[in-house]
Amino acid sequence: MAGRVEGKVAFITGAARGQGRSHAVRLAQEGADIIAIDLLEDIPYAPYDAATQADLDETVRQVEALDRRIVASRADVRDLAGLKAAVDAGVAEFGRLDIVSANAGISAGMMSAADLPEDAWSNMIDTNLSGVWRTAKAAIPHIKAGGRGGSIVLTSSEAGLKGYQNVAHYVSAKHGVVGLMRTLALELAPEMIRVNSLHPTQVDTPMIMNEGTYRLFSPDAEHPTREDFAPTSQAMNALPIPWVEAVDISNALLWLVSDEARYVTGVTLPVDAGAFLV
């Protein structure tokens, strides 16, 4: 079925590459116009380079190649005023807002909770939990103003459903996203605004596929590669695959925001190759 979000407008954070770009392109394929933001600068403790302006420009190119409109800008989910300005500008251009993908997030190095620096904890919570709340806060008034209902999808993680050692800050933030999702689902239900969360396993994106991650999971290799990382990653999943693709998450997002899921709200949807069962 084509055109599942025809004529709608979606706001996507972290849209310069990875899952965010995939979400923008997938929704555009199905008829949506896009408001896209990304930070475009490195964040302390993240073991990979940030997306660049060239990355965001490529997202714009791919969306426009589908004959859809996009307003893309640099903004930080840690900055409510900047987020609000980005959303306001997009709505001024397109005249409406129907869909929110609170996708932006970071990973960080592994260490015990007792050894975590305070700023590493604070930075993770501010980005991966408070940033999701700020995204919703900036967007909700516009969805309400439309009077047509809408759909908000918060990107959590498999780590939002189960615990993992040595990433207390990440697990705590992603669990917090679930609590936020359930609260928003109740608060916004009277206006037919649905709120759900996505829970991916390892995804083939730059946030995972980088030397920092490879070294964490293959500490004995001198120059670890994707191939060294794959068996360890696969052991985390029930299905015999090492990771999923960004489009797998985008397809789940598309379903959640489409009318096919018109009565689905408050749901934690894993796209995890059975990782929750392992």
C-alpha atoms as a PDB file:
ATOM      1  CA  MET A   1       0.000   0.000   0.000  1.00  0.00           C
ATOM      2  CA  ALA A   2       1.558   3.283  -1.126  1.00  0.00           C
ATOM      3  CA  GLY A   3       0.855   6.708   0.289  1.00  0.00           C
ATOM      4  CA  ARG A   4       0.291   5.596   3.872  1.00  0.00           C
ATOM      5  CA  VAL A   5       1.206   9.044   5.215  1.00  0.00           C
ATOM      6  CA  GLU A   6       0.257  11.058   2.140  1.00  0.00           C
ATOM      7  CA  GLY A   7      -0.103  14.776   2.841  1.00  0.00           C
ATOM      8  CA  LYS A   8       1.232  14.565   6.395  1.00  0.00           C
ATOM      9  CA  VAL A   9       4.224  16.330   7.905  1.00  0.00           C
ATOM     10  CA  ALA A  10       6.794  14.579  10.100  1.00  0.00           C
ATOM     11  CA  PHE A  11       9.342  16.088  12.487  1.00  0.00           C
ATOM     12  CA  ILE A  12      12.446  13.901  12.846  1.00  0.00           C
ATOM     13  CA  THR A  13      15.392  14.494  15.172  1.00  0.00           C
ATOM     14  CA  GLY A  14      18.837  13.075  14.460  1.00  0.00           C
ATOM     15  CA  ALA A  15      17.960  13.051  10.763  1.00  0.00           C
ATOM     16  CA  ALA A  16      21.384  13.566   9.176  1.00  0.00           C
ATOM     17  CA  ARG A  17      22.220   9.874   8.894  1.00  0.00           C
ATOM     18  CA  GLY A  18      21.512   6.422  10.331  1.00  0.00           C
ATOM     19  CA  GLN A  19      18.006   5.680  11.543  1.00  0.00           C
ATOM     20  CA  GLY A  20      16.957   9.326  11.297  1.00  0.00           C
ATOM     21  CA  ARG A  21      17.797   9.610   7.610  1.00  0.00           C
ATOM     22  CA  SER A  22      16.166   6.245   6.976  1.00  0.00           C
ATOM     23  CA  HIS A  23      12.994   7.424   8.731  1.00  0.00           C
ATOM     24  CA  ALA A  24      12.921  10.623   6.671  1.00  0.00           C
ATOM     25  CA  VAL A  25      13.315   8.767   3.397  1.00  0.00           C
ATOM     26  CA  ARG A  26      10.836   6.009   4.274  1.00  0.00           C
ATOM     27  CA  LEU A  27       8.130   8.467   5.312  1.00  0.00           C
ATOM     28  CA  ALA A  28       8.811  10.575   2.221  1.00  0.00           C
ATOM     29  CA  GLN A  29       8.388   7.462   0.073  1.00  0.00           C
ATOM     30  CA  GLU A  30       4.911   7.164   1.561  1.00  0.00           C
ATOM     31  CA  GLY A  31       3.953  10.784   0.951  1.00  0.00           C
ATOM     32  CA  ALA A  32       5.108  12.817   3.965  1.00  0.00           C
ATOM     33  CA  ASP A  33       6.947  16.133   3.991  1.00  0.00           C
ATOM     34  CA  ILE A  34       9.776  16.348   6.515  1.00  0.00           C
ATOM     35  CA  ILE A  35      11.060  18.730   9.174  1.00  0.00           C
ATOM     36  CA  ALA A  36      14.569  17.479   9.982  1.00  0.00           C
ATOM     37  CA  ILE A  37      17.130  18.484  12.576  1.00  0.00           C
ATOM     38  CA  ASP A  38      20.521  17.247  13.720  1.00  0.00           C
ATOM     39  CA  LEU A  39      23.208  18.523  16.093  1.00  0.00           C
ATOM     40  CA  LEU A  40      26.155  18.230  13.670  1.00  0.00           C
ATOM     41  CA  GLU A  41      28.811  18.409  16.376  1.00  0.00           C
ATOM     42  CA  ASP A  42      30.624  15.912  18.552  1.00  0.00           C
ATOM     43  CA  ILE A  43      29.279  15.082  22.012  1.00  0.00           C
ATOM     44  CA  PRO A  44      31.653  14.185  24.871  1.00  0.00           C
ATOM     45  CA  TYR A  45      32.127  10.457  25.561  1.00  0.00           C
ATOM     46  CA  ALA A  46      30.488   9.347  22.302  1.00  0.00           C
ATOM     47  CA  PRO A  47      33.013   6.952  20.675  1.00  0.00           C
ATOM     48  CA  TYR A  48      32.345   8.074  17.088  1.00  0.00           C
ATOM     49  CA  ASP A  49      32.353  11.206  14.964  1.00  0.00           C
ATOM     50  CA  ALA A  50      29.145  13.205  14.777  1.00  0.00           C
ATOM     51  CA  ALA A  51      27.119  13.659  11.618  1.00  0.00           C
ATOM     52  CA  THR A  52      28.152  16.569   9.404  1.00  0.00           C
ATOM     53  CA  GLN A  53      26.410  19.228   7.349  1.00  0.00           C
ATOM     54  CA  ALA A  54      27.199  17.098   4.306  1.00  0.00           C
ATOM     55  CA  ASP A  55      25.294  14.224   5.916  1.00  0.00           C
ATOM     56  CA  LEU A  56      22.251  16.414   6.524  1.00  0.00           C
ATOM     57  CA  ASP A  57      22.490  17.751   2.980  1.00  0.00           C
ATOM     58  CA  GLU A  58      22.394  14.161   1.730  1.00  0.00           C
ATOM     59  CA  THR A  59      19.196  13.528   3.683  1.00  0.00           C
ATOM     60  CA  VAL A  60      17.718  16.593   2.013  1.00  0.00           C
ATOM     61  CA  ARG A  61      18.834  15.342  -1.397  1.00  0.00           C
ATOM     62  CA  GLN A  62      17.287  11.911  -0.887  1.00  0.00           C
ATOM     63  CA  VAL A  63      13.962  13.301   0.314  1.00  0.00           C
ATOM     64  CA  GLU A  64      13.757  15.842  -2.508  1.00  0.00           C
ATOM     65  CA  ALA A  65      14.593  13.092  -5.021  1.00  0.00           C
ATOM     66  CA  LEU A  66      11.278  11.537  -3.977  1.00  0.00           C
ATOM     67  CA  ASP A  67       9.506  14.784  -4.907  1.00  0.00           C
ATOM     68  CA  ARG A  68       8.757  15.583  -1.266  1.00  0.00           C
ATOM     69  CA  ARG A  69       9.531  18.790   0.606  1.00  0.00           C
ATOM     70  CA  ILE A  70      11.959  19.056   3.512  1.00  0.00           C
ATOM     71  CA  VAL A  71      13.045  21.807   5.893  1.00  0.00           C
ATOM     72  CA  ALA A  72      16.349  20.823   7.491  1.00  0.00           C
ATOM     73  CA  SER A  73      18.289  22.737  10.121  1.00  0.00           C
ATOM     74  CA  ARG A  74      20.919  22.416  12.796  1.00  0.00           C
ATOM     75  CA  ALA A  75      19.450  22.090  16.287  1.00  0.00           C
ATOM     76  CA  ASP A  76      20.266  20.400  19.583  1.00  0.00           C
ATOM     77  CA  VAL A  77      17.754  18.332  21.553  1.00  0.00           C
ATOM     78  CA  ARG A  78      19.417  19.709  24.690  1.00  0.00           C
ATOM     79  CA  ASP A  79      18.222  23.200  23.717  1.00  0.00           C
ATOM     80  CA  LEU A  80      14.453  23.673  23.936  1.00  0.00           C
ATOM     81  CA  ALA A  81      14.478  27.129  22.356  1.00  0.00           C
ATOM     82  CA  GLY A  82      16.428  25.878  19.354  1.00  0.00           C
ATOM     83  CA  LEU A  83      14.150  22.869  18.956  1.00  0.00           C
ATOM     84  CA  LYS A  84      11.066  25.037  19.139  1.00  0.00           C
ATOM     85  CA  ALA A  85      12.475  27.418  16.525  1.00  0.00           C
ATOM     86  CA  ALA A  86      13.171  24.513  14.160  1.00  0.00           C
ATOM     87  CA  VAL A  87       9.679  23.040  14.547  1.00  0.00           C
ATOM     88  CA  ASP A  88       8.031  26.453  14.255  1.00  0.00           C
ATOM     89  CA  ALA A  89       9.901  27.151  11.026  1.00  0.00           C
ATOM     90  CA  GLY A  90       8.886  23.832   9.539  1.00  0.00           C
ATOM     91  CA  VAL A  91       5.242  24.264  10.456  1.00  0.00           C
ATOM     92  CA  ALA A  92       5.292  27.792   9.058  1.00  0.00           C
ATOM     93  CA  GLU A  93       6.498  26.299   5.764  1.00  0.00           C
ATOM     94  CA  PHE A  94       4.153  23.307   5.593  1.00  0.00           C
ATOM     95  CA  GLY A  95       1.163  24.488   7.592  1.00  0.00           C
ATOM     96  CA  ARG A  96       0.757  21.448   9.827  1.00  0.00           C
ATOM     97  CA  LEU A  97       2.435  18.778  11.943  1.00  0.00           C
ATOM     98  CA  ASP A  98       1.157  15.216  12.235  1.00  0.00           C
ATOM     99  CA  ILE A  99       4.072  12.929  13.103  1.00  0.00           C
ATOM    100  CA  VAL A 100       7.025  13.125  15.470  1.00  0.00           C
ATOM    101  CA  SER A 101      10.017  10.783  15.488  1.00  0.00           C
ATOM    102  CA  ALA A 102      12.084  11.561  18.591  1.00  0.00           C
ATOM    103  CA  ASN A 103      15.030   9.620  17.224  1.00  0.00           C
ATOM    104  CA  ALA A 104      18.144  11.601  18.242  1.00  0.00           C
ATOM    105  CA  GLY A 105      20.377   9.872  20.752  1.00  0.00           C
ATOM    106  CA  ILE A 106      23.938   8.963  21.609  1.00  0.00           C
ATOM    107  CA  SER A 107      25.855   5.965  22.836  1.00  0.00           C
ATOM    108  CA  ALA A 108      28.936   6.094  25.043  1.00  0.00           C
ATOM    109  CA  GLY A 109      31.763   4.016  26.391  1.00  0.00           C
ATOM    110  CA  MET A 110      31.145   1.172  28.810  1.00  0.00           C
ATOM    111  CA  MET A 111      32.058   1.358  32.497  1.00  0.00           C
ATOM    112  CA  SER A 112      30.461   0.389  35.785  1.00  0.00           C
ATOM    113  CA  ALA A 113      27.875   2.684  37.338  1.00  0.00           C
ATOM    114  CA  ALA A 114      30.224   3.335  40.242  1.00  0.00           C
ATOM    115  CA  ASP A 115      32.971   4.500  37.876  1.00  0.00           C
ATOM    116  CA  LEU A 116      30.860   6.730  35.612  1.00  0.00           C
ATOM    117  CA  PRO A 117      31.936  10.401  35.650  1.00  0.00           C
ATOM    118  CA  GLU A 118      29.073  12.636  36.708  1.00  0.00           C
ATOM    119  CA  ASP A 119      29.196  14.625  33.486  1.00  0.00           C
ATOM    120  CA  ALA A 120      28.976  11.424  31.428  1.00  0.00           C
ATOM    121  CA  TRP A 121      25.796  10.488  33.305  1.00  0.00           C
ATOM    122  CA  SER A 122      24.321  13.986  32.976  1.00  0.00           C
ATOM    123  CA  ASN A 123      25.148  14.283  29.290  1.00  0.00           C
ATOM    124  CA  MET A 124      23.510  10.940  28.492  1.00  0.00           C
ATOM    125  CA  ILE A 125      20.323  11.712  30.417  1.00  0.00           C
ATOM    126  CA  ASP A 126      20.138  15.227  28.958  1.00  0.00           C
ATOM    127  CA  THR A 127      20.371  13.907  25.399  1.00  0.00           C
ATOM    128  CA  ASN A 128      18.647  10.517  25.422  1.00  0.00           C
ATOM    129  CA  LEU A 129      15.843  11.239  27.895  1.00  0.00           C
ATOM    130  CA  SER A 130      15.412  14.965  28.443  1.00  0.00           C
ATOM    131  CA  GLY A 131      16.044  15.535  24.724  1.00  0.00           C
ATOM    132  CA  VAL A 132      13.134  13.249  23.898  1.00  0.00           C
ATOM    133  CA  TRP A 133      10.903  15.169  26.314  1.00  0.00           C
ATOM    134  CA  ARG A 134      12.000  18.496  24.786  1.00  0.00           C
ATOM    135  CA  THR A 135      11.232  17.167  21.312  1.00  0.00           C
ATOM    136  CA  ALA A 136       7.719  16.233  22.379  1.00  0.00           C
ATOM    137  CA  LYS A 137       7.241  19.523  24.215  1.00  0.00           C
ATOM    138  CA  ALA A 138       8.222  21.549  21.156  1.00  0.00           C
ATOM    139  CA  ALA A 139       5.991  19.536  18.816  1.00  0.00           C
ATOM    140  CA  ILE A 140       2.816  18.779  20.785  1.00  0.00           C
ATOM    141  CA  PRO A 141       1.245  22.273  20.518  1.00  0.00           C
ATOM    142  CA  HIS A 142       1.438  22.095  16.720  1.00  0.00           C
ATOM    143  CA  ILE A 143      -0.166  18.641  16.560  1.00  0.00           C
ATOM    144  CA  LYS A 144      -2.925  19.773  18.912  1.00  0.00           C
ATOM    145  CA  ALA A 145      -3.504  22.903  16.846  1.00  0.00           C
ATOM    146  CA  GLY A 146      -4.270  20.791  13.787  1.00  0.00           C
ATOM    147  CA  GLY A 147      -7.185  19.082  15.504  1.00  0.00           C
ATOM    148  CA  ARG A 148      -6.614  15.942  13.437  1.00  0.00           C
ATOM    149  CA  GLY A 149      -4.852  13.780  15.996  1.00  0.00           C
ATOM    150  CA  GLY A 150      -1.360  12.539  15.292  1.00  0.00           C
ATOM    151  CA  SER A 151       1.361  10.083  16.192  1.00  0.00           C
ATOM    152  CA  ILE A 152       4.523  10.448  18.272  1.00  0.00           C
ATOM    153  CA  VAL A 153       7.162   7.706  18.264  1.00  0.00           C
ATOM    154  CA  LEU A 154       9.978   7.783  20.809  1.00  0.00           C
ATOM    155  CA  THR A 155      13.104   5.820  19.974  1.00  0.00           C
ATOM    156  CA  SER A 156      14.171   3.795  22.980  1.00  0.00           C
ATOM    157  CA  SER A 157      16.266   0.625  22.710  1.00  0.00           C
ATOM    158  CA  GLU A 158      16.383  -3.012  23.690  1.00  0.00           C
ATOM    159  CA  ALA A 159      18.125  -1.439  26.693  1.00  0.00           C
ATOM    160  CA  GLY A 160      14.823   0.245  27.496  1.00  0.00           C
ATOM    161  CA  LEU A 161      13.297  -3.179  28.143  1.00  0.00           C
ATOM    162  CA  LYS A 162      16.088  -5.046  29.965  1.00  0.00           C
ATOM    163  CA  GLY A 163      19.228  -4.287  31.892  1.00  0.00           C
ATOM    164  CA  TYR A 164      22.799  -4.440  30.634  1.00  0.00           C
ATOM    165  CA  GLN A 165      25.969  -4.166  32.673  1.00  0.00           C
ATOM    166  CA  ASN A 166      28.353  -1.227  32.361  1.00  0.00           C
ATOM    167  CA  VAL A 167      25.958   1.148  30.584  1.00  0.00           C
ATOM    168  CA  ALA A 168      23.854   2.349  33.515  1.00  0.00           C
ATOM    169  CA  HIS A 169      23.398   5.826  32.072  1.00  0.00           C
ATOM    170  CA  TYR A 170      22.215   4.507  28.692  1.00  0.00           C
ATOM    171  CA  VAL A 171      19.900   1.879  30.196  1.00  0.00           C
ATOM    172  CA  SER A 172      18.444   4.412  32.631  1.00  0.00           C
ATOM    173  CA  ALA A 173      17.766   6.950  29.876  1.00  0.00           C
ATOM    174  CA  LYS A 174      16.155   4.386  27.598  1.00  0.00           C
ATOM    175  CA  HIS A 175      13.987   2.987  30.402  1.00  0.00           C
ATOM    176  CA  GLY A 176      12.979   6.560  31.197  1.00  0.00           C
ATOM    177  CA  VAL A 177      11.798   7.003  27.607  1.00  0.00           C
ATOM    178  CA  VAL A 178       9.277   4.194  28.201  1.00  0.00           C
ATOM    179  CA  GLY A 179       7.848   5.952  31.246  1.00  0.00           C
ATOM    180  CA  LEU A 180       7.617   9.197  29.300  1.00  0.00           C
ATOM    181  CA  MET A 181       5.909   7.407  26.404  1.00  0.00           C
ATOM    182  CA  ARG A 182       3.271   5.827  28.626  1.00  0.00           C
ATOM    183  CA  THR A 183       2.539   9.119  30.361  1.00  0.00           C
ATOM    184  CA  LEU A 184       2.245  11.028  27.087  1.00  0.00           C
ATOM    185  CA  ALA A 185       0.015   8.307  25.660  1.00  0.00           C
ATOM    186  CA  LEU A 186      -2.440   8.854  28.505  1.00  0.00           C
ATOM    187  CA  GLU A 187      -2.229  12.635  28.474  1.00  0.00           C
ATOM    188  CA  LEU A 188      -2.703  12.957  24.705  1.00  0.00           C
ATOM    189  CA  ALA A 189      -5.240  10.179  24.105  1.00  0.00           C
ATOM    190  CA  PRO A 190      -8.285  12.476  24.466  1.00  0.00           C
ATOM    191  CA  GLU A 191      -7.048  14.371  21.396  1.00  0.00           C
ATOM    192  CA  MET A 192      -6.373  11.192  19.376  1.00  0.00           C
ATOM    193  CA  ILE A 193      -2.623  11.719  19.535  1.00  0.00           C
ATOM    194  CA  ARG A 194      -1.011   8.308  19.825  1.00  0.00           C
ATOM    195  CA  VAL A 195       2.378   7.773  21.496  1.00  0.00           C
ATOM    196  CA  ASN A 196       4.502   4.625  21.225  1.00  0.00           C
ATOM    197  CA  SER A 197       8.152   3.608  21.559  1.00  0.00           C
ATOM    198  CA  LEU A 198      10.534   1.635  19.355  1.00  0.00           C
ATOM    199  CA  HIS A 199      13.125  -0.768  20.775  1.00  0.00           C
ATOM    200  CA  PRO A 200      15.843  -1.786  18.314  1.00  0.00           C
ATOM    201  CA  THR A 201      18.603  -4.293  18.861  1.00  0.00           C
ATOM    202  CA  GLN A 202      21.979  -3.469  17.263  1.00  0.00           C
ATOM    203  CA  VAL A 203      21.396  -1.464  14.071  1.00  0.00           C
ATOM    204  CA  ASP A 204      23.855  -1.086  11.204  1.00  0.00           C
ATOM    205  CA  THR A 205      24.442   2.654  11.641  1.00  0.00           C
ATOM    206  CA  PRO A 206      27.499   4.789  12.503  1.00  0.00           C
ATOM    207  CA  MET A 207      26.462   4.886  16.185  1.00  0.00           C
ATOM    208  CA  ILE A 208      27.180   1.151  16.389  1.00  0.00           C
ATOM    209  CA  MET A 209      29.554   0.553  13.503  1.00  0.00           C
ATOM    210  CA  ASN A 210      32.679   2.319  14.696  1.00  0.00           C
ATOM    211  CA  GLU A 211      36.064   1.399  16.073  1.00  0.00           C
ATOM    212  CA  GLY A 212      35.054   2.266  19.627  1.00  0.00           C
ATOM    213  CA  THR A 213      32.268  -0.316  19.584  1.00  0.00           C
ATOM    214  CA  TYR A 214      34.445  -2.909  17.873  1.00  0.00           C
ATOM    215  CA  ARG A 215      37.106  -2.529  20.563  1.00  0.00           C
ATOM    216  CA  LEU A 216      34.569  -2.903  23.367  1.00  0.00           C
ATOM    217  CA  PHE A 217      33.309  -6.190  21.978  1.00  0.00           C
ATOM    218  CA  SER A 218      36.613  -7.478  20.539  1.00  0.00           C
ATOM    219  CA  PRO A 219      39.201  -6.352  23.092  1.00  0.00           C
ATOM    220  CA  ASP A 220      41.788  -8.937  22.024  1.00  0.00           C
ATOM    221  CA  ALA A 221      41.911  -7.847  18.379  1.00  0.00           C
ATOM    222  CA  GLU A 222      44.643  -5.350  17.477  1.00  0.00           C
ATOM    223  CA  HIS A 223      42.525  -3.643  14.807  1.00  0.00           C
ATOM    224  CA  PRO A 224      38.972  -4.969  15.269  1.00  0.00           C
ATOM    225  CA  THR A 225      36.547  -4.800  12.350  1.00  0.00           C
ATOM    226  CA  ARG A 226      32.854  -5.325  11.637  1.00  0.00           C
ATOM    227  CA  GLU A 227      33.664  -8.957  10.989  1.00  0.00           C
ATOM    228  CA  ASP A 228      35.232  -9.316  14.452  1.00  0.00           C
ATOM    229  CA  PHE A 229      32.205  -7.655  16.036  1.00  0.00           C
ATOM    230  CA  ALA A 230      29.576  -9.708  14.181  1.00  0.00           C
ATOM    231  CA  PRO A 231      29.716 -12.982  16.183  1.00  0.00           C
ATOM    232  CA  THR A 232      29.456 -11.178  19.526  1.00  0.00           C
ATOM    233  CA  SER A 233      26.618  -9.034  18.241  1.00  0.00           C
ATOM    234  CA  GLN A 234      24.788 -12.067  16.863  1.00  0.00           C
ATOM    235  CA  ALA A 235      25.017 -13.798  20.242  1.00  0.00           C
ATOM    236  CA  MET A 236      22.811 -11.010  21.653  1.00  0.00           C
ATOM    237  CA  ASN A 237      19.944 -11.925  19.284  1.00  0.00           C
ATOM    238  CA  ALA A 238      17.710 -14.987  19.086  1.00  0.00           C
ATOM    239  CA  LEU A 239      17.504 -14.877  15.293  1.00  0.00           C
ATOM    240  CA  PRO A 240      20.831 -15.818  13.656  1.00  0.00           C
ATOM    241  CA  ILE A 241      21.705 -12.294  12.485  1.00  0.00           C
ATOM    242  CA  PRO A 242      24.272  -9.894  13.948  1.00  0.00           C
ATOM    243  CA  TRP A 243      22.223  -6.726  13.513  1.00  0.00           C
ATOM    244  CA  VAL A 244      19.216  -5.236  11.747  1.00  0.00           C
ATOM    245  CA  GLU A 245      19.158  -2.503   9.117  1.00  0.00           C
ATOM    246  CA  ALA A 246      17.923   1.039   9.675  1.00  0.00           C
ATOM    247  CA  VAL A 247      15.054   0.467   7.248  1.00  0.00           C
ATOM    248  CA  ASP A 248      13.731  -2.293   9.515  1.00  0.00           C
ATOM    249  CA  ILE A 249      13.204   0.308  12.222  1.00  0.00           C
ATOM    250  CA  SER A 250      11.784   2.749   9.688  1.00  0.00           C
ATOM    251  CA  ASN A 251       9.216   0.208   8.525  1.00  0.00           C
ATOM    252  CA  ALA A 252       8.043  -0.248  12.104  1.00  0.00           C
ATOM    253  CA  LEU A 253       7.894   3.526  12.545  1.00  0.00           C
ATOM    254  CA  LEU A 254       5.880   3.866   9.343  1.00  0.00           C
ATOM    255  CA  TRP A 255       3.337   1.349  10.579  1.00  0.00           C
ATOM    256  CA  LEU A 256       3.016   3.051  13.961  1.00  0.00           C
ATOM    257  CA  VAL A 257       2.361   6.475  12.422  1.00  0.00           C
ATOM    258  CA  SER A 258       0.012   5.209   9.701  1.00  0.00           C
ATOM    259  CA  ASP A 259      -3.726   4.680   9.936  1.00  0.00           C
ATOM    260  CA  GLU A 260      -3.042   0.940  10.019  1.00  0.00           C
ATOM    261  CA  ALA A 261      -2.105   1.498  13.676  1.00  0.00           C
ATOM    262  CA  ARG A 262      -4.818   4.077  14.330  1.00  0.00           C
ATOM    263  CA  TYR A 263      -5.798   2.547  17.672  1.00  0.00           C
ATOM    264  CA  VAL A 264      -2.306   1.537  18.799  1.00  0.00           C
ATOM    265  CA  THR A 265      -0.970   3.682  21.635  1.00  0.00           C
ATOM    266  CA  GLY A 266       1.175   3.111  24.706  1.00  0.00           C
ATOM    267  CA  VAL A 267       3.019   0.208  23.072  1.00  0.00           C
ATOM    268  CA  THR A 268       6.686  -0.769  23.416  1.00  0.00           C
ATOM    269  CA  LEU A 269       7.472  -2.250  19.990  1.00  0.00           C
ATOM    270  CA  PRO A 270      10.702  -4.272  19.768  1.00  0.00           C
ATOM    271  CA  VAL A 271      12.495  -4.631  16.452  1.00  0.00           C
ATOM    272  CA  ASP A 272      15.132  -6.765  18.068  1.00  0.00           C
ATOM    273  CA  ALA A 273      15.587 -10.132  16.337  1.00  0.00           C
ATOM    274  CA  GLY A 274      14.385 -11.731  19.576  1.00  0.00           C
ATOM    275  CA  ALA A 275      17.073 -10.101  21.719  1.00  0.00           C
ATOM    276  CA  PHE A 276      14.641  -9.638  24.597  1.00  0.00           C
ATOM    277  CA  LEU A 277      14.392 -13.433  24.890  1.00  0.00           C
ATOM    278  CA  VAL A 278      18.132 -14.056  25.060  1.00  0.00           C
END
